[in-house]
């Protein structure tokens, strides 16, 4: 695979890869919600959504009510897939919306855990006073989604594996 087909960690990017990285950055900065895929107790899939915030290491944070089915699913099985996707109103082509799909593990972070302050800071920076109000409700739980792999799709026929160790390292899977 030559340098035009794979972005390297050294910063040797073609225009196509730079555009893909910029598209991914825009998704992470602009999308305030993620579609969630979780597994129920019988292994049944459930798709839902949640507001989400992302830290500098590209961990995703979800603040979920235990009244929601997806919360119970994550408490029983930490496997999760989530997707942030370009807004329909902003997409040039509805059939080719830019999207980032992440598979990983959702780790519960209780309020007395050392990581709570960082999680609350990241989530609070995105959602402000409304998040502060939700923290007063006893049925809400913070989850940190640690990505294990990621795939970026930008338009038709341009899918990339994203290195979760270096989010600027992309491997072109399809397209030219």
N, C-alpha and C. Protein backbone atom coordinates (compact mmCIF):
# COMPACT_ATOMS: atom_id res chain seq x y z
N UNK A 1 0.85 -1.17 0.00
CA UNK A 1 0.00 0.00 0.00
C UNK A 1 0.90 1.24 0.00
N UNK A 2 0.70 2.15 -0.97
CA UNK A 2 1.57 3.32 -1.04
C UNK A 2 1.05 4.46 -0.18
N UNK A 3 1.83 5.55 -0.11
CA UNK A 3 1.48 6.67 0.76
C UNK A 3 0.17 7.34 0.37
N UNK A 4 -0.24 7.22 -0.90
CA UNK A 4 -1.52 7.80 -1.30
C UNK A 4 -2.70 6.96 -0.84
N UNK A 5 -2.44 5.72 -0.45
CA UNK A 5 -3.51 4.85 -0.01
C UNK A 5 -3.56 4.69 1.51
N UNK A 6 -2.54 5.12 2.19
CA UNK A 6 -2.53 5.01 3.64
C UNK A 6 -1.92 6.27 4.24
N UNK A 7 -2.63 6.86 5.15
CA UNK A 7 -2.08 8.03 5.85
C UNK A 7 -1.16 7.51 6.93
N UNK A 8 -0.02 8.11 7.06
CA UNK A 8 0.93 7.65 8.06
C UNK A 8 0.91 8.55 9.28
N UNK A 9 1.42 8.03 10.38
CA UNK A 9 1.49 8.80 11.62
C UNK A 9 2.51 9.93 11.51
N UNK A 10 3.32 9.93 10.45
CA UNK A 10 4.33 10.96 10.30
C UNK A 10 3.78 12.24 9.71
N UNK A 11 2.51 12.24 9.33
CA UNK A 11 1.93 13.46 8.80
C UNK A 11 2.01 13.55 7.29
N UNK A 12 2.41 12.47 6.59
CA UNK A 12 2.50 12.46 5.14
C UNK A 12 1.13 12.09 4.57
N UNK A 13 0.26 13.09 4.44
CA UNK A 13 -1.11 12.86 4.04
C UNK A 13 -1.37 13.41 2.64
N UNK A 14 -2.11 12.69 1.88
CA UNK A 14 -2.59 13.23 0.61
C UNK A 14 -3.79 14.12 0.91
N UNK A 15 -4.23 14.87 -0.09
CA UNK A 15 -5.40 15.73 0.10
C UNK A 15 -6.61 14.92 0.52
N UNK A 16 -6.76 13.72 -0.05
CA UNK A 16 -7.91 12.87 0.26
C UNK A 16 -7.93 12.50 1.74
N UNK A 17 -6.78 12.17 2.28
CA UNK A 17 -6.71 11.80 3.69
C UNK A 17 -6.91 13.00 4.59
N UNK A 18 -6.35 14.14 4.20
CA UNK A 18 -6.56 15.35 4.98
C UNK A 18 -8.03 15.71 5.03
N UNK A 19 -8.73 15.59 3.90
CA UNK A 19 -10.16 15.86 3.87
C UNK A 19 -10.92 14.88 4.75
N UNK A 20 -10.51 13.61 4.74
CA UNK A 20 -11.17 12.61 5.59
C UNK A 20 -10.96 12.92 7.06
N UNK A 21 -9.74 13.28 7.44
CA UNK A 21 -9.45 13.63 8.83
C UNK A 21 -10.25 14.87 9.22
N UNK A 22 -10.32 15.86 8.34
CA UNK A 22 -11.11 17.06 8.62
C UNK A 22 -12.59 16.72 8.78
N UNK A 23 -13.11 15.82 7.95
CA UNK A 23 -14.50 15.40 8.07
C UNK A 23 -14.75 14.71 9.41
N UNK A 24 -13.82 13.85 9.82
CA UNK A 24 -13.96 13.17 11.10
C UNK A 24 -13.91 14.17 12.24
N UNK A 25 -13.01 15.12 12.17
CA UNK A 25 -12.90 16.14 13.21
C UNK A 25 -14.20 16.94 13.30
N UNK A 26 -14.76 17.28 12.15
CA UNK A 26 -16.03 18.03 12.14
C UNK A 26 -17.14 17.20 12.77
N UNK A 27 -17.19 15.92 12.48
CA UNK A 27 -18.21 15.06 13.09
C UNK A 27 -18.06 15.07 14.62
N UNK A 28 -16.84 14.90 15.09
CA UNK A 28 -16.61 14.83 16.54
C UNK A 28 -16.89 16.16 17.22
N UNK A 29 -16.63 17.26 16.54
CA UNK A 29 -16.87 18.57 17.14
C UNK A 29 -18.33 19.00 17.05
N UNK A 30 -19.02 18.63 15.97
CA UNK A 30 -20.35 19.16 15.71
C UNK A 30 -21.50 18.25 16.13
N UNK A 31 -21.29 16.96 16.11
CA UNK A 31 -22.37 16.03 16.46
C UNK A 31 -22.47 15.95 17.98
N UNK A 32 -23.62 16.30 18.49
CA UNK A 32 -23.83 16.27 19.93
C UNK A 32 -24.49 14.98 20.40
N UNK A 33 -24.92 14.16 19.45
CA UNK A 33 -25.54 12.89 19.81
C UNK A 33 -24.90 11.76 19.04
N UNK A 34 -25.06 10.57 19.58
CA UNK A 34 -24.58 9.35 18.92
C UNK A 34 -25.71 8.33 18.93
N UNK A 35 -25.80 7.58 17.85
CA UNK A 35 -26.66 6.40 17.84
C UNK A 35 -25.91 5.31 18.58
N UNK A 36 -26.62 4.59 19.44
CA UNK A 36 -26.00 3.54 20.25
C UNK A 36 -26.57 2.19 19.84
N UNK A 37 -25.73 1.20 19.77
CA UNK A 37 -26.16 -0.18 19.58
C UNK A 37 -25.68 -0.97 20.79
N UNK A 38 -26.63 -1.53 21.52
CA UNK A 38 -26.32 -2.33 22.70
C UNK A 38 -27.01 -3.69 22.56
N UNK A 39 -26.63 -4.60 23.44
CA UNK A 39 -27.23 -5.94 23.44
C UNK A 39 -28.03 -6.15 24.71
N UNK A 40 -29.27 -6.66 24.53
CA UNK A 40 -30.12 -6.96 25.67
C UNK A 40 -29.72 -8.28 26.32
N UNK A 41 -30.37 -8.62 27.43
CA UNK A 41 -30.03 -9.83 28.18
C UNK A 41 -30.15 -11.12 27.36
N UNK A 42 -31.03 -11.13 26.38
CA UNK A 42 -31.21 -12.31 25.53
C UNK A 42 -30.37 -12.22 24.25
N UNK A 43 -29.51 -11.20 24.18
CA UNK A 43 -28.69 -11.00 22.99
C UNK A 43 -29.38 -10.23 21.89
N UNK A 44 -30.56 -9.70 22.18
CA UNK A 44 -31.30 -8.92 21.18
C UNK A 44 -30.65 -7.54 21.02
N UNK A 45 -30.44 -7.10 19.79
CA UNK A 45 -29.85 -5.77 19.59
C UNK A 45 -30.86 -4.67 19.84
N UNK A 46 -30.37 -3.55 20.32
CA UNK A 46 -31.18 -2.37 20.53
C UNK A 46 -30.42 -1.18 19.97
N UNK A 47 -31.11 -0.38 19.17
CA UNK A 47 -30.54 0.87 18.68
C UNK A 47 -31.27 2.00 19.39
N UNK A 48 -30.50 2.94 19.90
CA UNK A 48 -31.06 4.10 20.58
C UNK A 48 -30.12 5.26 20.30
N UNK A 49 -30.27 6.32 21.07
CA UNK A 49 -29.34 7.43 20.91
C UNK A 49 -29.13 8.10 22.26
N UNK A 50 -28.06 8.88 22.31
CA UNK A 50 -27.76 9.63 23.51
C UNK A 50 -26.91 10.84 23.16
N UNK A 51 -27.08 11.92 23.90
CA UNK A 51 -26.08 12.98 23.81
C UNK A 51 -24.71 12.40 24.19
N UNK A 52 -23.66 12.90 23.56
CA UNK A 52 -22.33 12.39 23.83
C UNK A 52 -21.31 13.53 23.79
N UNK A 53 -20.25 13.33 24.52
CA UNK A 53 -19.11 14.25 24.50
C UNK A 53 -17.85 13.41 24.32
N UNK A 54 -16.83 14.00 23.72
CA UNK A 54 -15.61 13.27 23.38
C UNK A 54 -14.41 14.00 23.99
N UNK A 55 -13.51 13.23 24.60
CA UNK A 55 -12.31 13.85 25.16
C UNK A 55 -11.18 13.86 24.12
N UNK A 56 -10.03 14.38 24.49
CA UNK A 56 -8.90 14.51 23.56
C UNK A 56 -8.36 13.16 23.10
N UNK A 57 -8.54 12.10 23.90
CA UNK A 57 -8.08 10.77 23.52
C UNK A 57 -9.14 10.02 22.70
N UNK A 58 -10.24 10.68 22.41
CA UNK A 58 -11.34 10.13 21.62
C UNK A 58 -12.13 9.06 22.38
N UNK A 59 -12.18 9.19 23.70
CA UNK A 59 -13.13 8.41 24.49
C UNK A 59 -14.45 9.17 24.45
N UNK A 60 -15.54 8.43 24.37
CA UNK A 60 -16.87 9.03 24.31
C UNK A 60 -17.52 8.91 25.69
N UNK A 61 -18.23 9.94 26.10
CA UNK A 61 -18.91 9.92 27.39
C UNK A 61 -20.42 9.99 27.17
N UNK A 62 -21.12 9.14 27.88
CA UNK A 62 -22.58 9.07 27.83
C UNK A 62 -23.10 9.22 29.25
N UNK A 63 -24.12 10.04 29.45
CA UNK A 63 -24.74 10.20 30.76
C UNK A 63 -26.17 9.71 30.60
N UNK A 64 -26.43 8.51 31.10
CA UNK A 64 -27.64 7.77 30.77
C UNK A 64 -28.52 7.51 31.97
N UNK A 65 -29.82 7.60 31.75
CA UNK A 65 -30.78 7.29 32.80
C UNK A 65 -30.98 5.78 32.88
N UNK A 66 -31.06 5.27 34.10
CA UNK A 66 -31.33 3.84 34.25
C UNK A 66 -32.75 3.49 33.85
N UNK A 67 -33.58 4.49 33.57
CA UNK A 67 -34.92 4.24 33.05
C UNK A 67 -34.87 3.84 31.58
N UNK A 68 -33.73 4.08 30.92
CA UNK A 68 -33.56 3.74 29.50
C UNK A 68 -33.07 2.31 29.36
N UNK A 69 -33.61 1.63 28.37
CA UNK A 69 -33.25 0.24 28.13
C UNK A 69 -31.76 0.08 27.84
N UNK A 70 -31.18 1.03 27.11
CA UNK A 70 -29.75 0.90 26.76
C UNK A 70 -28.86 0.94 28.00
N UNK A 71 -29.27 1.64 29.04
CA UNK A 71 -28.47 1.70 30.27
C UNK A 71 -28.42 0.32 30.92
N UNK A 72 -29.57 -0.32 31.04
CA UNK A 72 -29.60 -1.67 31.59
C UNK A 72 -28.78 -2.64 30.76
N UNK A 73 -28.85 -2.48 29.45
CA UNK A 73 -28.05 -3.34 28.58
C UNK A 73 -26.56 -3.17 28.86
N UNK A 74 -26.11 -1.92 28.99
CA UNK A 74 -24.69 -1.67 29.24
C UNK A 74 -24.26 -2.14 30.63
N UNK A 75 -25.17 -2.11 31.58
CA UNK A 75 -24.83 -2.60 32.92
C UNK A 75 -24.66 -4.11 32.93
N UNK A 76 -25.31 -4.79 31.98
CA UNK A 76 -25.19 -6.25 31.88
C UNK A 76 -24.10 -6.69 30.90
N UNK A 77 -23.86 -5.89 29.88
CA UNK A 77 -22.91 -6.24 28.82
C UNK A 77 -22.28 -4.95 28.33
N UNK A 78 -20.99 -4.79 28.56
CA UNK A 78 -20.34 -3.51 28.26
C UNK A 78 -20.01 -3.30 26.79
N UNK A 79 -20.30 -4.25 25.92
CA UNK A 79 -20.05 -4.10 24.49
C UNK A 79 -20.99 -3.05 23.90
N UNK A 80 -20.45 -2.17 23.08
CA UNK A 80 -21.25 -1.11 22.48
C UNK A 80 -20.67 -0.74 21.12
N UNK A 81 -21.55 -0.32 20.25
CA UNK A 81 -21.15 0.34 19.02
C UNK A 81 -21.91 1.65 19.00
N UNK A 82 -21.23 2.70 18.62
CA UNK A 82 -21.91 3.99 18.50
C UNK A 82 -21.53 4.64 17.19
N UNK A 83 -22.40 5.53 16.73
CA UNK A 83 -22.16 6.21 15.47
C UNK A 83 -22.53 7.67 15.60
N UNK A 84 -21.62 8.53 15.16
CA UNK A 84 -21.93 9.93 14.96
C UNK A 84 -22.05 10.12 13.45
N UNK A 85 -23.07 10.86 13.05
CA UNK A 85 -23.38 10.96 11.62
C UNK A 85 -23.73 12.40 11.27
N UNK A 86 -23.33 12.78 10.10
CA UNK A 86 -23.59 14.12 9.57
C UNK A 86 -25.09 14.42 9.59
N UNK A 87 -25.43 15.62 9.95
CA UNK A 87 -26.81 16.08 9.97
C UNK A 87 -27.42 15.96 8.57
N UNK A 88 -28.63 15.44 8.51
CA UNK A 88 -29.32 15.29 7.22
C UNK A 88 -29.42 16.62 6.48
N UNK A 89 -29.71 17.67 7.20
CA UNK A 89 -29.90 18.98 6.57
C UNK A 89 -28.59 19.54 6.01
N UNK A 90 -27.46 19.07 6.51
CA UNK A 90 -26.16 19.55 6.05
C UNK A 90 -25.55 18.66 4.97
N UNK A 91 -26.07 17.46 4.80
CA UNK A 91 -25.48 16.48 3.88
C UNK A 91 -25.72 16.86 2.43
N UNK A 92 -24.69 16.71 1.62
CA UNK A 92 -24.84 16.96 0.18
C UNK A 92 -25.65 15.85 -0.46
N UNK A 93 -25.46 14.62 0.04
CA UNK A 93 -26.19 13.46 -0.49
C UNK A 93 -26.72 12.65 0.68
N UNK A 94 -28.01 12.47 0.75
CA UNK A 94 -28.62 11.75 1.86
C UNK A 94 -28.17 10.29 1.89
N UNK A 95 -27.80 9.72 0.75
CA UNK A 95 -27.35 8.34 0.69
C UNK A 95 -25.87 8.18 1.06
N UNK A 96 -25.18 9.28 1.27
CA UNK A 96 -23.74 9.20 1.53
C UNK A 96 -23.34 10.16 2.64
N UNK A 97 -24.09 10.15 3.73
CA UNK A 97 -23.75 11.04 4.85
C UNK A 97 -22.43 10.59 5.49
N UNK A 98 -21.60 11.55 5.83
CA UNK A 98 -20.36 11.25 6.54
C UNK A 98 -20.71 10.67 7.91
N UNK A 99 -19.94 9.65 8.33
CA UNK A 99 -20.23 9.02 9.61
C UNK A 99 -18.99 8.32 10.15
N UNK A 100 -18.96 8.26 11.47
CA UNK A 100 -17.90 7.57 12.19
C UNK A 100 -18.57 6.55 13.10
N UNK A 101 -18.18 5.30 12.94
CA UNK A 101 -18.71 4.22 13.77
C UNK A 101 -17.58 3.70 14.64
N UNK A 102 -17.88 3.56 15.92
CA UNK A 102 -16.89 3.12 16.91
C UNK A 102 -17.43 1.89 17.62
N UNK A 103 -16.59 0.89 17.78
CA UNK A 103 -16.92 -0.27 18.61
C UNK A 103 -15.98 -0.25 19.80
N UNK A 104 -16.53 -0.59 20.97
CA UNK A 104 -15.68 -0.59 22.15
C UNK A 104 -16.40 -1.11 23.37
N UNK A 105 -15.90 -0.69 24.51
CA UNK A 105 -16.45 -1.08 25.80
C UNK A 105 -16.90 0.17 26.54
N UNK A 106 -18.06 0.05 27.20
CA UNK A 106 -18.60 1.14 28.00
C UNK A 106 -18.31 0.86 29.47
N UNK A 107 -17.52 1.72 30.06
CA UNK A 107 -17.11 1.57 31.46
C UNK A 107 -17.92 2.52 32.31
N UNK A 108 -18.59 1.99 33.31
CA UNK A 108 -19.37 2.82 34.23
C UNK A 108 -18.42 3.61 35.13
N UNK A 109 -18.71 4.90 35.29
CA UNK A 109 -17.90 5.76 36.16
C UNK A 109 -18.81 6.33 37.24
N UNK A 110 -18.78 5.74 38.44
CA UNK A 110 -19.61 6.27 39.53
C UNK A 110 -19.09 7.62 40.02
N UNK A 111 -19.97 8.44 40.64
CA UNK A 111 -19.56 9.78 41.09
C UNK A 111 -18.40 9.79 42.08
N UNK A 112 -18.20 8.70 42.81
CA UNK A 112 -17.09 8.68 43.77
C UNK A 112 -15.80 8.12 43.17
N UNK A 113 -15.79 7.83 41.87
CA UNK A 113 -14.60 7.30 41.20
C UNK A 113 -13.66 8.44 40.83
N UNK A 114 -12.38 8.16 40.80
CA UNK A 114 -11.37 9.18 40.47
C UNK A 114 -11.59 9.79 39.09
N UNK A 115 -12.12 9.03 38.14
CA UNK A 115 -12.32 9.53 36.78
C UNK A 115 -13.56 10.39 36.62
N UNK A 116 -14.41 10.43 37.64
CA UNK A 116 -15.67 11.18 37.52
C UNK A 116 -15.42 12.66 37.19
N UNK A 117 -14.47 13.28 37.83
CA UNK A 117 -14.23 14.72 37.63
C UNK A 117 -13.88 15.01 36.17
N UNK A 118 -13.02 14.18 35.57
CA UNK A 118 -12.67 14.40 34.16
C UNK A 118 -13.88 14.16 33.27
N UNK A 119 -14.62 13.09 33.52
CA UNK A 119 -15.80 12.79 32.72
C UNK A 119 -16.82 13.92 32.82
N UNK A 120 -17.05 14.40 34.02
CA UNK A 120 -18.01 15.49 34.23
C UNK A 120 -17.53 16.78 33.57
N UNK A 121 -16.23 17.01 33.59
CA UNK A 121 -15.68 18.21 32.94
C UNK A 121 -15.91 18.15 31.43
N UNK A 122 -15.61 17.01 30.82
CA UNK A 122 -15.78 16.86 29.37
C UNK A 122 -17.25 16.98 29.00
N UNK A 123 -18.10 16.28 29.73
CA UNK A 123 -19.53 16.29 29.42
C UNK A 123 -20.14 17.67 29.72
N UNK A 124 -19.75 18.25 30.84
CA UNK A 124 -20.26 19.56 31.22
C UNK A 124 -19.85 20.66 30.26
N UNK A 125 -18.64 20.55 29.70
CA UNK A 125 -18.18 21.54 28.73
C UNK A 125 -19.08 21.55 27.49
N UNK A 126 -19.63 20.42 27.16
CA UNK A 126 -20.49 20.34 25.98
C UNK A 126 -21.94 20.70 26.29
N UNK A 127 -22.43 20.31 27.48
CA UNK A 127 -23.87 20.43 27.75
C UNK A 127 -24.22 21.38 28.89
N UNK A 128 -23.23 21.96 29.54
CA UNK A 128 -23.44 23.04 30.49
C UNK A 128 -24.44 22.80 31.60
N UNK A 129 -25.29 23.80 31.82
CA UNK A 129 -26.19 23.81 32.97
C UNK A 129 -27.18 22.65 32.96
N UNK A 130 -27.59 22.21 31.79
CA UNK A 130 -28.54 21.10 31.76
C UNK A 130 -27.89 19.84 32.35
N UNK A 131 -26.63 19.61 32.03
CA UNK A 131 -25.91 18.48 32.62
C UNK A 131 -25.83 18.65 34.14
N UNK A 132 -25.56 19.86 34.61
CA UNK A 132 -25.51 20.10 36.05
C UNK A 132 -26.83 19.71 36.71
N UNK A 133 -27.93 20.01 36.05
CA UNK A 133 -29.24 19.63 36.60
C UNK A 133 -29.41 18.12 36.62
N UNK A 134 -28.97 17.45 35.57
CA UNK A 134 -29.11 15.99 35.51
C UNK A 134 -28.27 15.28 36.58
N UNK A 135 -27.16 15.87 36.97
CA UNK A 135 -26.31 15.22 37.98
C UNK A 135 -27.02 15.12 39.33
N UNK A 136 -28.05 15.89 39.52
CA UNK A 136 -28.80 15.84 40.78
C UNK A 136 -29.80 14.68 40.81
N UNK A 137 -30.02 14.05 39.67
CA UNK A 137 -30.98 12.95 39.60
C UNK A 137 -30.26 11.63 39.87
N UNK A 138 -30.78 10.83 40.78
CA UNK A 138 -30.06 9.61 41.19
C UNK A 138 -30.07 8.49 40.15
N UNK A 139 -30.90 8.58 39.12
CA UNK A 139 -30.99 7.48 38.16
C UNK A 139 -30.04 7.64 36.97
N UNK A 140 -29.21 8.68 36.94
CA UNK A 140 -28.29 8.88 35.83
C UNK A 140 -26.92 8.31 36.14
N UNK A 141 -26.31 7.71 35.11
CA UNK A 141 -25.01 7.06 35.24
C UNK A 141 -24.10 7.51 34.11
N UNK A 142 -22.84 7.77 34.45
CA UNK A 142 -21.84 8.16 33.46
C UNK A 142 -21.14 6.90 32.94
N UNK A 143 -21.00 6.84 31.62
CA UNK A 143 -20.25 5.77 30.98
C UNK A 143 -19.18 6.38 30.11
N UNK A 144 -18.02 5.76 30.13
CA UNK A 144 -16.91 6.13 29.24
C UNK A 144 -16.79 5.01 28.21
N UNK A 145 -16.96 5.35 26.96
CA UNK A 145 -16.80 4.37 25.89
C UNK A 145 -15.36 4.45 25.39
N UNK A 146 -14.64 3.36 25.60
CA UNK A 146 -13.24 3.26 25.18
C UNK A 146 -13.23 2.54 23.83
N UNK A 147 -12.87 3.26 22.76
CA UNK A 147 -12.89 2.66 21.44
C UNK A 147 -11.86 1.54 21.29
N UNK A 148 -12.29 0.47 20.62
CA UNK A 148 -11.38 -0.62 20.26
C UNK A 148 -11.09 -0.61 18.77
N UNK A 149 -12.05 -0.14 17.98
CA UNK A 149 -11.82 0.08 16.56
C UNK A 149 -12.83 1.11 16.06
N UNK A 150 -12.51 1.69 14.92
CA UNK A 150 -13.36 2.75 14.37
C UNK A 150 -13.30 2.70 12.85
N UNK A 151 -14.40 3.11 12.25
CA UNK A 151 -14.49 3.18 10.79
C UNK A 151 -15.13 4.51 10.42
N UNK A 152 -14.51 5.18 9.46
CA UNK A 152 -14.97 6.46 8.96
C UNK A 152 -15.44 6.28 7.52
N UNK A 153 -16.62 6.80 7.22
CA UNK A 153 -17.13 6.82 5.85
C UNK A 153 -17.36 8.28 5.48
N UNK A 154 -16.75 8.69 4.38
CA UNK A 154 -16.91 10.06 3.89
C UNK A 154 -17.39 10.01 2.45
N UNK A 155 -18.67 10.13 2.26
CA UNK A 155 -19.25 10.09 0.93
C UNK A 155 -19.34 8.69 0.37
N UNK A 156 -19.54 8.62 -0.95
CA UNK A 156 -19.65 7.33 -1.62
C UNK A 156 -18.29 6.68 -1.78
N UNK A 157 -18.21 5.43 -1.43
CA UNK A 157 -17.03 4.63 -1.73
C UNK A 157 -15.74 5.05 -1.07
N UNK A 158 -15.80 5.74 0.03
CA UNK A 158 -14.58 6.14 0.72
C UNK A 158 -14.71 5.76 2.20
N UNK A 159 -14.34 4.53 2.49
CA UNK A 159 -14.39 4.03 3.86
C UNK A 159 -12.96 3.81 4.35
N UNK A 160 -12.74 4.15 5.61
CA UNK A 160 -11.41 4.06 6.19
C UNK A 160 -11.48 3.36 7.54
N UNK A 161 -10.50 2.49 7.80
CA UNK A 161 -10.27 2.06 9.17
C UNK A 161 -9.50 3.19 9.84
N UNK A 162 -9.88 3.50 11.07
CA UNK A 162 -9.23 4.57 11.83
C UNK A 162 -8.44 3.91 12.95
N UNK A 163 -7.18 4.25 13.08
CA UNK A 163 -6.38 3.72 14.17
C UNK A 163 -6.81 4.39 15.47
N UNK A 164 -7.23 3.61 16.46
CA UNK A 164 -7.62 4.20 17.73
C UNK A 164 -6.40 4.59 18.56
N UNK A 165 -5.20 4.24 18.10
CA UNK A 165 -3.98 4.69 18.76
C UNK A 165 -3.48 6.01 18.20
N UNK A 166 -3.86 6.31 16.96
CA UNK A 166 -3.51 7.57 16.31
C UNK A 166 -4.65 7.92 15.37
N UNK A 167 -5.56 8.76 15.82
CA UNK A 167 -6.79 9.04 15.09
C UNK A 167 -6.55 9.77 13.78
N UNK A 168 -5.32 10.14 13.50
CA UNK A 168 -5.01 10.75 12.21
C UNK A 168 -4.45 9.72 11.24
N UNK A 169 -4.38 8.47 11.67
CA UNK A 169 -3.90 7.39 10.82
C UNK A 169 -5.09 6.63 10.25
N UNK A 170 -5.25 6.71 8.95
CA UNK A 170 -6.39 6.12 8.27
C UNK A 170 -5.91 5.09 7.25
N UNK A 171 -6.67 4.02 7.12
CA UNK A 171 -6.37 3.03 6.08
C UNK A 171 -7.59 2.97 5.15
N UNK A 172 -7.37 3.31 3.90
CA UNK A 172 -8.44 3.32 2.91
C UNK A 172 -8.87 1.89 2.63
N UNK A 173 -10.17 1.63 2.78
CA UNK A 173 -10.72 0.29 2.53
C UNK A 173 -11.36 0.19 1.17
N UNK A 174 -12.01 1.28 0.73
CA UNK A 174 -12.72 1.29 -0.54
C UNK A 174 -12.51 2.61 -1.23
N UNK A 175 -12.89 2.66 -2.47
CA UNK A 175 -12.85 3.94 -3.18
C UNK A 175 -11.47 4.27 -3.68
N UNK A 176 -11.41 5.31 -4.46
CA UNK A 176 -10.12 5.76 -5.02
C UNK A 176 -10.01 7.25 -4.94
